[in-house]
Amino acid sequence: ASRATGVRPALLLATLRYESELGLNVGKGNWKVDLAHARCAKQREAFVQITSGLGLNPDLMPVSKRQSYGYCGGAMGPAQFIPTTWLLYKDRITSLAGANPPNPWDPKTAFVAAALLLKDNGAVGGYTAERTAALRYFAGNRWSNPAYAFYGDNVMAFAQDYQDQINILNAITIR
């Protein structure tokens, strides 16, 4: 995913770590509850479309719970994509991951999806570009809200930890 998109592996790992502990926590919500609000109708429809296309029972698929700050729940899989965003990226994910239809709960596919979204958010660059891309991943067009700074700061701290480990492994393999 990193090679195909140019997104630094450490940033991709850091984002997925923050989103789902690298797939260990893909949500404890239920689409009927966490997408129940009227403003979540598009997310609900998209979720049903995705699960139907995969032949999955939507009642059995874990999603994120509704957010305390008012946004719909329903984020899916290790990359925690909201359903409408997944549908926007579906063809590109299929092209890059080779999965047709792509499954947001599949780790390989989720990594590809996250890398594509980070790239589109401007992640190919230095610290500021990566932090901004992470914030956009989390908050979309509300990324510059100071209340969300924690997300960008935490993802970048995780990315530095991963980069340090990657540098150690690279030094060992070069010897």
N, C-alpha and C. Protein backbone atom coordinates (compact mmCIF):
# COMPACT_ATOMS: atom_id res chain seq x y z
N ALA A 1 0.83 -1.19 0.00
CA ALA A 1 0.00 0.00 0.00
C ALA A 1 0.88 1.26 0.00
N SER A 2 1.95 1.21 0.78
CA SER A 2 2.84 2.37 0.83
C SER A 2 3.56 2.58 -0.49
N ARG A 3 4.06 1.50 -1.06
CA ARG A 3 4.76 1.62 -2.35
C ARG A 3 3.83 2.14 -3.44
N ALA A 4 2.61 1.68 -3.44
CA ALA A 4 1.67 2.06 -4.50
C ALA A 4 1.18 3.50 -4.37
N THR A 5 1.17 4.03 -3.15
CA THR A 5 0.61 5.37 -2.92
C THR A 5 1.65 6.42 -2.56
N GLY A 6 2.82 6.00 -2.12
CA GLY A 6 3.83 6.94 -1.66
C GLY A 6 3.66 7.37 -0.21
N VAL A 7 2.66 6.84 0.46
CA VAL A 7 2.44 7.17 1.88
C VAL A 7 3.47 6.40 2.70
N ARG A 8 4.13 7.11 3.59
CA ARG A 8 5.17 6.52 4.43
C ARG A 8 4.57 5.39 5.28
N PRO A 9 5.24 4.21 5.30
CA PRO A 9 4.72 3.08 6.07
C PRO A 9 4.46 3.44 7.54
N ALA A 10 5.32 4.22 8.15
CA ALA A 10 5.14 4.57 9.56
C ALA A 10 3.86 5.36 9.78
N LEU A 11 3.52 6.25 8.85
CA LEU A 11 2.28 7.03 8.97
C LEU A 11 1.06 6.12 8.79
N LEU A 12 1.13 5.23 7.84
CA LEU A 12 0.03 4.30 7.62
C LEU A 12 -0.20 3.42 8.85
N LEU A 13 0.86 2.87 9.39
CA LEU A 13 0.75 2.05 10.60
C LEU A 13 0.20 2.88 11.77
N ALA A 14 0.68 4.10 11.91
CA ALA A 14 0.24 4.96 13.01
C ALA A 14 -1.24 5.28 12.91
N THR A 15 -1.71 5.55 11.71
CA THR A 15 -3.12 5.86 11.51
C THR A 15 -3.99 4.66 11.86
N LEU A 16 -3.60 3.49 11.38
CA LEU A 16 -4.39 2.29 11.68
C LEU A 16 -4.28 1.89 13.16
N ARG A 17 -3.16 2.21 13.77
CA ARG A 17 -3.04 1.97 15.21
C ARG A 17 -4.03 2.84 15.96
N TYR A 18 -4.11 4.10 15.59
CA TYR A 18 -5.02 5.00 16.29
C TYR A 18 -6.47 4.65 16.00
N GLU A 19 -6.76 4.31 14.77
CA GLU A 19 -8.13 4.01 14.38
C GLU A 19 -8.67 2.72 15.00
N SER A 20 -7.85 1.67 15.04
CA SER A 20 -8.39 0.37 15.45
C SER A 20 -7.40 -0.54 16.17
N GLU A 21 -6.30 0.02 16.66
CA GLU A 21 -5.25 -0.84 17.23
C GLU A 21 -4.83 -1.91 16.21
N LEU A 22 -4.63 -1.46 14.97
CA LEU A 22 -4.22 -2.31 13.86
C LEU A 22 -5.20 -3.46 13.62
N GLY A 23 -6.48 -3.17 13.82
CA GLY A 23 -7.53 -4.14 13.55
C GLY A 23 -8.04 -4.90 14.76
N LEU A 24 -7.44 -4.68 15.93
CA LEU A 24 -7.91 -5.37 17.13
C LEU A 24 -9.26 -4.85 17.61
N ASN A 25 -9.56 -3.59 17.34
CA ASN A 25 -10.83 -3.00 17.78
C ASN A 25 -11.52 -2.37 16.57
N VAL A 26 -12.37 -3.14 15.93
CA VAL A 26 -13.08 -2.62 14.75
C VAL A 26 -14.50 -2.16 15.11
N GLY A 27 -14.76 -2.02 16.38
CA GLY A 27 -16.03 -1.46 16.83
C GLY A 27 -16.88 -2.43 17.59
N LYS A 28 -17.67 -1.88 18.48
CA LYS A 28 -18.61 -2.66 19.27
C LYS A 28 -20.04 -2.19 19.03
N GLY A 29 -20.21 -1.44 17.95
CA GLY A 29 -21.51 -0.89 17.62
C GLY A 29 -22.30 -1.81 16.72
N ASN A 30 -23.55 -1.41 16.49
CA ASN A 30 -24.47 -2.12 15.61
C ASN A 30 -25.08 -1.09 14.67
N TRP A 31 -25.12 -1.41 13.42
CA TRP A 31 -25.58 -0.45 12.41
C TRP A 31 -27.00 0.04 12.68
N LYS A 32 -27.86 -0.81 13.21
CA LYS A 32 -29.25 -0.41 13.46
C LYS A 32 -29.35 0.64 14.56
N VAL A 33 -28.42 0.59 15.50
CA VAL A 33 -28.41 1.55 16.61
C VAL A 33 -27.56 2.77 16.25
N ASP A 34 -26.37 2.53 15.77
CA ASP A 34 -25.40 3.60 15.60
C ASP A 34 -25.56 4.38 14.30
N LEU A 35 -26.42 3.92 13.43
CA LEU A 35 -26.77 4.66 12.22
C LEU A 35 -28.27 4.96 12.19
N ALA A 36 -28.89 4.95 13.36
CA ALA A 36 -30.35 5.10 13.45
C ALA A 36 -30.84 6.53 13.25
N HIS A 37 -30.02 7.50 13.60
CA HIS A 37 -30.46 8.91 13.51
C HIS A 37 -30.79 9.26 12.06
N ALA A 38 -31.77 10.12 11.87
CA ALA A 38 -32.21 10.52 10.52
C ALA A 38 -31.06 11.07 9.68
N ARG A 39 -30.11 11.80 10.32
CA ARG A 39 -29.00 12.37 9.53
C ARG A 39 -28.01 11.30 9.07
N CYS A 40 -28.20 10.07 9.53
CA CYS A 40 -27.31 8.97 9.15
C CYS A 40 -27.89 8.11 8.03
N ALA A 41 -28.99 8.55 7.42
CA ALA A 41 -29.67 7.73 6.41
C ALA A 41 -28.74 7.32 5.27
N LYS A 42 -27.92 8.24 4.77
CA LYS A 42 -27.01 7.91 3.66
C LYS A 42 -25.98 6.87 4.10
N GLN A 43 -25.50 7.00 5.34
CA GLN A 43 -24.53 6.02 5.86
C GLN A 43 -25.20 4.65 6.00
N ARG A 44 -26.43 4.65 6.49
CA ARG A 44 -27.17 3.40 6.67
C ARG A 44 -27.37 2.70 5.32
N GLU A 45 -27.81 3.47 4.31
CA GLU A 45 -28.01 2.90 2.97
C GLU A 45 -26.70 2.36 2.40
N ALA A 46 -25.64 3.11 2.57
CA ALA A 46 -24.33 2.67 2.05
C ALA A 46 -23.86 1.40 2.77
N PHE A 47 -24.08 1.34 4.08
CA PHE A 47 -23.68 0.16 4.85
C PHE A 47 -24.40 -1.08 4.34
N VAL A 48 -25.69 -0.96 4.13
CA VAL A 48 -26.47 -2.10 3.62
C VAL A 48 -25.98 -2.49 2.22
N GLN A 49 -25.68 -1.51 1.39
CA GLN A 49 -25.16 -1.79 0.05
C GLN A 49 -23.84 -2.55 0.12
N ILE A 50 -22.95 -2.12 1.01
CA ILE A 50 -21.64 -2.77 1.15
C ILE A 50 -21.78 -4.19 1.65
N THR A 51 -22.52 -4.39 2.73
CA THR A 51 -22.66 -5.74 3.29
C THR A 51 -23.40 -6.66 2.33
N SER A 52 -24.42 -6.14 1.64
CA SER A 52 -25.15 -6.96 0.66
C SER A 52 -24.23 -7.39 -0.47
N GLY A 53 -23.41 -6.46 -0.96
CA GLY A 53 -22.48 -6.78 -2.04
C GLY A 53 -21.44 -7.81 -1.66
N LEU A 54 -21.17 -7.90 -0.37
CA LEU A 54 -20.20 -8.88 0.12
C LEU A 54 -20.87 -10.18 0.58
N GLY A 55 -22.20 -10.21 0.55
CA GLY A 55 -22.92 -11.38 1.03
C GLY A 55 -22.86 -11.55 2.54
N LEU A 56 -22.72 -10.44 3.26
CA LEU A 56 -22.60 -10.47 4.72
C LEU A 56 -23.90 -10.05 5.38
N ASN A 57 -24.18 -10.62 6.52
CA ASN A 57 -25.34 -10.23 7.32
C ASN A 57 -24.97 -8.94 8.04
N PRO A 58 -25.62 -7.81 7.72
CA PRO A 58 -25.24 -6.54 8.35
C PRO A 58 -25.39 -6.56 9.87
N ASP A 59 -26.29 -7.38 10.38
CA ASP A 59 -26.49 -7.45 11.83
C ASP A 59 -25.30 -8.07 12.56
N LEU A 60 -24.45 -8.78 11.83
CA LEU A 60 -23.30 -9.45 12.44
C LEU A 60 -21.98 -8.71 12.26
N MET A 61 -22.01 -7.62 11.50
CA MET A 61 -20.78 -6.92 11.20
C MET A 61 -20.53 -5.80 12.22
N PRO A 62 -19.34 -5.82 12.86
CA PRO A 62 -19.04 -4.78 13.85
C PRO A 62 -18.77 -3.43 13.19
N VAL A 63 -19.24 -2.39 13.84
CA VAL A 63 -19.00 -1.02 13.40
C VAL A 63 -18.72 -0.16 14.64
N SER A 64 -18.23 1.04 14.39
CA SER A 64 -18.00 1.95 15.50
C SER A 64 -19.33 2.45 16.05
N LYS A 65 -19.32 2.80 17.32
CA LYS A 65 -20.50 3.37 17.96
C LYS A 65 -20.65 4.83 17.54
N ARG A 66 -21.85 5.34 17.69
CA ARG A 66 -22.13 6.75 17.41
C ARG A 66 -21.22 7.61 18.27
N GLN A 67 -20.67 8.65 17.69
CA GLN A 67 -19.72 9.51 18.38
C GLN A 67 -20.41 10.45 19.36
N SER A 68 -19.76 10.71 20.46
CA SER A 68 -20.33 11.58 21.50
C SER A 68 -20.52 13.01 21.00
N TYR A 69 -19.73 13.43 20.01
CA TYR A 69 -19.85 14.79 19.50
C TYR A 69 -20.86 14.88 18.36
N GLY A 70 -21.67 13.81 18.18
CA GLY A 70 -22.81 13.92 17.30
C GLY A 70 -22.73 13.25 15.95
N TYR A 71 -21.53 12.85 15.50
CA TYR A 71 -21.45 12.25 14.19
C TYR A 71 -21.97 10.81 14.25
N CYS A 72 -22.46 10.32 13.13
CA CYS A 72 -22.93 8.94 13.04
C CYS A 72 -21.80 7.98 13.39
N GLY A 73 -22.16 6.84 13.88
CA GLY A 73 -21.21 5.74 14.03
C GLY A 73 -21.15 5.00 12.70
N GLY A 74 -20.82 3.73 12.77
CA GLY A 74 -20.84 2.91 11.58
C GLY A 74 -19.53 2.79 10.83
N ALA A 75 -18.44 3.37 11.36
CA ALA A 75 -17.15 3.20 10.71
C ALA A 75 -16.77 1.73 10.72
N MET A 76 -16.18 1.27 9.62
CA MET A 76 -16.00 -0.16 9.40
C MET A 76 -14.53 -0.57 9.32
N GLY A 77 -14.24 -1.72 9.91
CA GLY A 77 -12.98 -2.40 9.74
C GLY A 77 -11.77 -1.71 10.32
N PRO A 78 -10.58 -2.27 10.07
CA PRO A 78 -9.34 -1.73 10.63
C PRO A 78 -9.08 -0.27 10.26
N ALA A 79 -9.50 0.16 9.06
CA ALA A 79 -9.27 1.54 8.64
C ALA A 79 -10.37 2.48 9.10
N GLN A 80 -11.45 1.95 9.65
CA GLN A 80 -12.57 2.72 10.18
C GLN A 80 -13.13 3.71 9.17
N PHE A 81 -13.37 3.23 7.96
CA PHE A 81 -14.00 4.04 6.92
C PHE A 81 -15.49 4.15 7.20
N ILE A 82 -16.04 5.35 6.99
CA ILE A 82 -17.49 5.46 7.05
C ILE A 82 -18.02 4.91 5.72
N PRO A 83 -19.22 4.36 5.74
CA PRO A 83 -19.71 3.66 4.54
C PRO A 83 -19.72 4.48 3.26
N THR A 84 -20.15 5.74 3.29
CA THR A 84 -20.18 6.51 2.04
C THR A 84 -18.78 6.77 1.50
N THR A 85 -17.82 6.95 2.37
CA THR A 85 -16.43 7.13 1.90
C THR A 85 -15.92 5.85 1.28
N TRP A 86 -16.26 4.71 1.89
CA TRP A 86 -15.86 3.42 1.32
C TRP A 86 -16.38 3.29 -0.11
N LEU A 87 -17.63 3.64 -0.32
CA LEU A 87 -18.20 3.54 -1.66
C LEU A 87 -17.50 4.48 -2.64
N LEU A 88 -17.10 5.67 -2.18
CA LEU A 88 -16.36 6.59 -3.05
C LEU A 88 -15.02 5.99 -3.49
N TYR A 89 -14.40 5.21 -2.62
CA TYR A 89 -13.08 4.65 -2.87
C TYR A 89 -13.12 3.22 -3.42
N LYS A 90 -14.29 2.65 -3.50
CA LYS A 90 -14.44 1.23 -3.83
C LYS A 90 -13.66 0.81 -5.08
N ASP A 91 -13.82 1.54 -6.18
CA ASP A 91 -13.15 1.15 -7.43
C ASP A 91 -11.64 1.26 -7.32
N ARG A 92 -11.16 2.30 -6.67
CA ARG A 92 -9.71 2.47 -6.52
C ARG A 92 -9.13 1.40 -5.59
N ILE A 93 -9.86 1.07 -4.55
CA ILE A 93 -9.42 0.00 -3.64
C ILE A 93 -9.35 -1.32 -4.40
N THR A 94 -10.39 -1.60 -5.19
CA THR A 94 -10.42 -2.82 -5.99
C THR A 94 -9.21 -2.89 -6.92
N SER A 95 -8.93 -1.78 -7.59
CA SER A 95 -7.82 -1.73 -8.54
C SER A 95 -6.49 -2.00 -7.86
N LEU A 96 -6.28 -1.41 -6.70
CA LEU A 96 -4.99 -1.53 -6.03
C LEU A 96 -4.87 -2.81 -5.20
N ALA A 97 -5.95 -3.21 -4.52
CA ALA A 97 -5.90 -4.38 -3.64
C ALA A 97 -6.22 -5.68 -4.36
N GLY A 98 -6.89 -5.57 -5.51
CA GLY A 98 -7.26 -6.77 -6.24
C GLY A 98 -8.45 -7.51 -5.67
N ALA A 99 -9.14 -6.92 -4.73
CA ALA A 99 -10.30 -7.54 -4.11
C ALA A 99 -11.57 -6.95 -4.74
N ASN A 100 -12.42 -7.83 -5.29
CA ASN A 100 -13.63 -7.33 -5.93
C ASN A 100 -14.82 -8.20 -5.53
N PRO A 101 -15.72 -7.70 -4.73
CA PRO A 101 -15.75 -6.35 -4.16
C PRO A 101 -14.80 -6.24 -2.97
N PRO A 102 -14.31 -5.04 -2.71
CA PRO A 102 -13.41 -4.87 -1.56
C PRO A 102 -14.19 -4.96 -0.25
N ASN A 103 -13.54 -5.53 0.74
CA ASN A 103 -14.17 -5.76 2.04
C ASN A 103 -13.48 -4.89 3.09
N PRO A 104 -14.21 -3.95 3.70
CA PRO A 104 -13.58 -3.06 4.67
C PRO A 104 -13.09 -3.76 5.93
N TRP A 105 -13.56 -4.98 6.19
CA TRP A 105 -13.12 -5.73 7.37
C TRP A 105 -11.89 -6.60 7.09
N ASP A 106 -11.45 -6.65 5.83
CA ASP A 106 -10.25 -7.40 5.45
C ASP A 106 -9.02 -6.51 5.69
N PRO A 107 -8.06 -6.97 6.48
CA PRO A 107 -6.90 -6.11 6.81
C PRO A 107 -6.12 -5.61 5.61
N LYS A 108 -5.82 -6.46 4.64
CA LYS A 108 -5.05 -6.02 3.47
C LYS A 108 -5.80 -4.92 2.72
N THR A 109 -7.06 -5.13 2.52
CA THR A 109 -7.89 -4.16 1.82
C THR A 109 -7.98 -2.86 2.61
N ALA A 110 -8.11 -2.98 3.92
CA ALA A 110 -8.20 -1.79 4.78
C ALA A 110 -6.91 -0.97 4.71
N PHE A 111 -5.76 -1.63 4.68
CA PHE A 111 -4.49 -0.90 4.57
C PHE A 111 -4.44 -0.13 3.25
N VAL A 112 -4.86 -0.76 2.18
CA VAL A 112 -4.87 -0.08 0.88
C VAL A 112 -5.81 1.12 0.92
N ALA A 113 -6.99 0.93 1.48
CA ALA A 113 -7.97 2.02 1.56
C ALA A 113 -7.41 3.19 2.37
N ALA A 114 -6.81 2.89 3.51
CA ALA A 114 -6.25 3.95 4.36
C ALA A 114 -5.13 4.69 3.63
N ALA A 115 -4.28 3.96 2.93
CA ALA A 115 -3.19 4.60 2.20
C ALA A 115 -3.73 5.53 1.11
N LEU A 116 -4.76 5.09 0.40
CA LEU A 116 -5.36 5.93 -0.63
C LEU A 116 -5.95 7.21 -0.04
N LEU A 117 -6.67 7.08 1.06
CA LEU A 117 -7.28 8.25 1.68
C LEU A 117 -6.21 9.20 2.22
N LEU A 118 -5.18 8.66 2.86
CA LEU A 118 -4.10 9.51 3.35
C LEU A 118 -3.41 10.25 2.20
N LYS A 119 -3.16 9.53 1.11
CA LYS A 119 -2.53 10.17 -0.06
C LYS A 119 -3.41 11.30 -0.57
N ASP A 120 -4.69 11.02 -0.74
CA ASP A 120 -5.61 12.04 -1.23
C ASP A 120 -5.71 13.23 -0.29
N ASN A 121 -5.44 12.99 0.98
CA ASN A 121 -5.46 14.06 1.98
C ASN A 121 -4.13 14.80 2.06
N GLY A 122 -3.17 14.42 1.21
CA GLY A 122 -1.91 15.16 1.12
C GLY A 122 -0.76 14.60 1.93
N ALA A 123 -0.81 13.33 2.27
CA ALA A 123 0.18 12.74 3.18
C ALA A 123 1.57 12.56 2.60
N VAL A 124 1.75 12.74 1.33
CA VAL A 124 3.07 12.55 0.75
C VAL A 124 3.83 13.86 0.89
N GLY A 125 4.63 13.94 1.92
CA GLY A 125 5.37 15.16 2.23
C GLY A 125 5.97 15.05 3.61
N GLY A 126 6.29 16.17 4.19
CA GLY A 126 6.92 16.19 5.50
C GLY A 126 5.90 16.12 6.63
N TYR A 127 6.38 16.48 7.81
CA TYR A 127 5.60 16.38 9.03
C TYR A 127 4.26 17.12 8.93
N THR A 128 4.29 18.36 8.49
CA THR A 128 3.06 19.16 8.43
C THR A 128 2.05 18.55 7.48
N ALA A 129 2.50 18.11 6.32
CA ALA A 129 1.59 17.49 5.35
C ALA A 129 1.00 16.20 5.90
N GLU A 130 1.82 15.39 6.56
CA GLU A 130 1.33 14.14 7.13
C GLU A 130 0.35 14.39 8.27
N ARG A 131 0.66 15.34 9.13
CA ARG A 131 -0.23 15.65 10.26
C ARG A 131 -1.58 16.16 9.74
N THR A 132 -1.54 17.03 8.75
CA THR A 132 -2.77 17.55 8.16
C THR A 132 -3.57 16.42 7.51
N ALA A 133 -2.90 15.52 6.82
CA ALA A 133 -3.58 14.38 6.20
C ALA A 133 -4.24 13.51 7.25
N ALA A 134 -3.55 13.29 8.35
CA ALA A 134 -4.14 12.49 9.45
C ALA A 134 -5.37 13.20 10.01
N LEU A 135 -5.27 14.50 10.20
CA LEU A 135 -6.42 15.25 10.71
C LEU A 135 -7.59 15.20 9.73
N ARG A 136 -7.32 15.27 8.45
CA ARG A 136 -8.38 15.16 7.44
C ARG A 136 -8.98 13.75 7.45
N TYR A 137 -8.16 12.75 7.68
CA TYR A 137 -8.63 11.37 7.78
C TYR A 137 -9.67 11.27 8.90
N PHE A 138 -9.39 11.94 9.99
CA PHE A 138 -10.25 11.90 11.18
C PHE A 138 -11.48 12.80 11.05
N ALA A 139 -11.28 14.03 10.59
CA ALA A 139 -12.34 15.03 10.69
C ALA A 139 -12.81 15.61 9.37
N GLY A 140 -12.31 15.12 8.26
CA GLY A 140 -12.75 15.64 6.97
C GLY A 140 -12.50 17.13 6.84
N ASN A 141 -13.51 17.86 6.38
CA ASN A 141 -13.32 19.30 6.17
C ASN A 141 -13.29 20.10 7.47
N ARG A 142 -13.49 19.45 8.59
CA ARG A 142 -13.37 20.12 9.90
C ARG A 142 -11.98 19.88 10.53
N TRP A 143 -11.03 19.47 9.72
CA TRP A 143 -9.72 19.06 10.20
C TRP A 143 -8.98 20.14 10.97
N SER A 144 -9.23 21.41 10.67
CA SER A 144 -8.46 22.48 11.32
C SER A 144 -9.04 22.90 12.67
N ASN A 145 -10.11 22.28 13.11
CA ASN A 145 -10.69 22.57 14.42
C ASN A 145 -9.65 22.23 15.50
N PRO A 146 -9.26 23.20 16.32
CA PRO A 146 -8.25 22.94 17.36
C PRO A 146 -8.63 21.80 18.32
N ALA A 147 -9.91 21.54 18.45
CA ALA A 147 -10.35 20.45 19.33
C ALA A 147 -9.88 19.09 18.83
N TYR A 148 -9.52 18.99 17.55
CA TYR A 148 -9.08 17.71 16.99
C TYR A 148 -7.57 17.57 16.91
N ALA A 149 -6.84 18.55 17.42
CA ALA A 149 -5.38 18.52 17.35
C ALA A 149 -4.80 17.25 17.99
N PHE A 150 -5.46 16.76 19.02
CA PHE A 150 -4.99 15.55 19.69
C PHE A 150 -4.77 14.41 18.70
N TYR A 151 -5.66 14.29 17.74
CA TYR A 151 -5.58 13.18 16.79
C TYR A 151 -4.31 13.30 15.95
N GLY A 152 -4.09 14.46 15.37
CA GLY A 152 -2.88 14.66 14.57
C GLY A 152 -1.62 14.47 15.39
N ASP A 153 -1.62 15.01 16.60
CA ASP A 153 -0.45 14.88 17.47
C ASP A 153 -0.17 13.42 17.83
N ASN A 154 -1.23 12.69 18.17
CA ASN A 154 -1.05 11.28 18.55
C ASN A 154 -0.61 10.42 17.38
N VAL A 155 -1.22 10.63 16.22
CA VAL A 155 -0.82 9.85 15.05
C VAL A 155 0.65 10.12 14.71
N MET A 156 1.06 11.38 14.79
CA MET A 156 2.45 11.70 14.45
C MET A 156 3.42 11.14 15.49
N ALA A 157 3.02 11.08 16.75
CA ALA A 157 3.88 10.46 17.78
C ALA A 157 4.01 8.96 17.52
N PHE A 158 2.90 8.32 17.19
CA PHE A 158 2.96 6.89 16.84
C PHE A 158 3.83 6.69 15.59
N ALA A 159 3.69 7.58 14.61
CA ALA A 159 4.47 7.46 13.38
C ALA A 159 5.97 7.57 13.68
N GLN A 160 6.34 8.46 14.60
CA GLN A 160 7.75 8.58 14.96
C GLN A 160 8.25 7.30 15.62
N ASP A 161 7.43 6.72 16.50
CA ASP A 161 7.81 5.45 17.13
C ASP A 161 8.02 4.36 16.08
N TYR A 162 7.07 4.26 15.15
CA TYR A 162 7.21 3.25 14.09
C TYR A 162 8.43 3.53 13.22
N GLN A 163 8.66 4.79 12.89
CA GLN A 163 9.80 5.13 12.04
C GLN A 163 11.11 4.77 12.73
N ASP A 164 11.19 5.02 14.04
CA ASP A 164 12.39 4.64 14.80
C ASP A 164 12.63 3.13 14.70
N GLN A 165 11.57 2.35 14.81
CA GLN A 165 11.70 0.89 14.72
C GLN A 165 12.08 0.46 13.30
N ILE A 166 11.48 1.10 12.31
CA ILE A 166 11.82 0.79 10.92
C ILE A 166 13.29 1.12 10.66
N ASN A 167 13.76 2.25 11.18
CA ASN A 167 15.17 2.62 10.99
C ASN A 167 16.11 1.60 11.62
N ILE A 168 15.75 1.10 12.78
CA ILE A 168 16.58 0.07 13.44
C ILE A 168 16.61 -1.19 12.58
N LEU A 169 15.46 -1.63 12.08
CA LEU A 169 15.42 -2.83 11.25
C LEU A 169 16.20 -2.62 9.96
N ASN A 170 16.08 -1.46 9.36
CA ASN A 170 16.83 -1.18 8.14
C ASN A 170 18.33 -1.21 8.40
N ALA A 171 18.77 -0.67 9.53
CA ALA A 171 20.20 -0.68 9.87
C ALA A 171 20.70 -2.09 10.06
N ILE A 172 19.90 -2.94 10.64
CA ILE A 172 20.30 -4.32 10.87
C ILE A 172 20.41 -5.07 9.54
N THR A 173 19.47 -4.85 8.64
CA THR A 173 19.47 -5.59 7.38
C THR A 173 20.54 -5.09 6.41
N ILE A 174 21.00 -3.86 6.60
CA ILE A 174 22.03 -3.32 5.72
C ILE A 174 23.41 -3.88 6.06
N ARG A 175 23.62 -4.25 7.30
CA ARG A 175 24.93 -4.76 7.73
C ARG A 175 25.34 -5.97 7.02
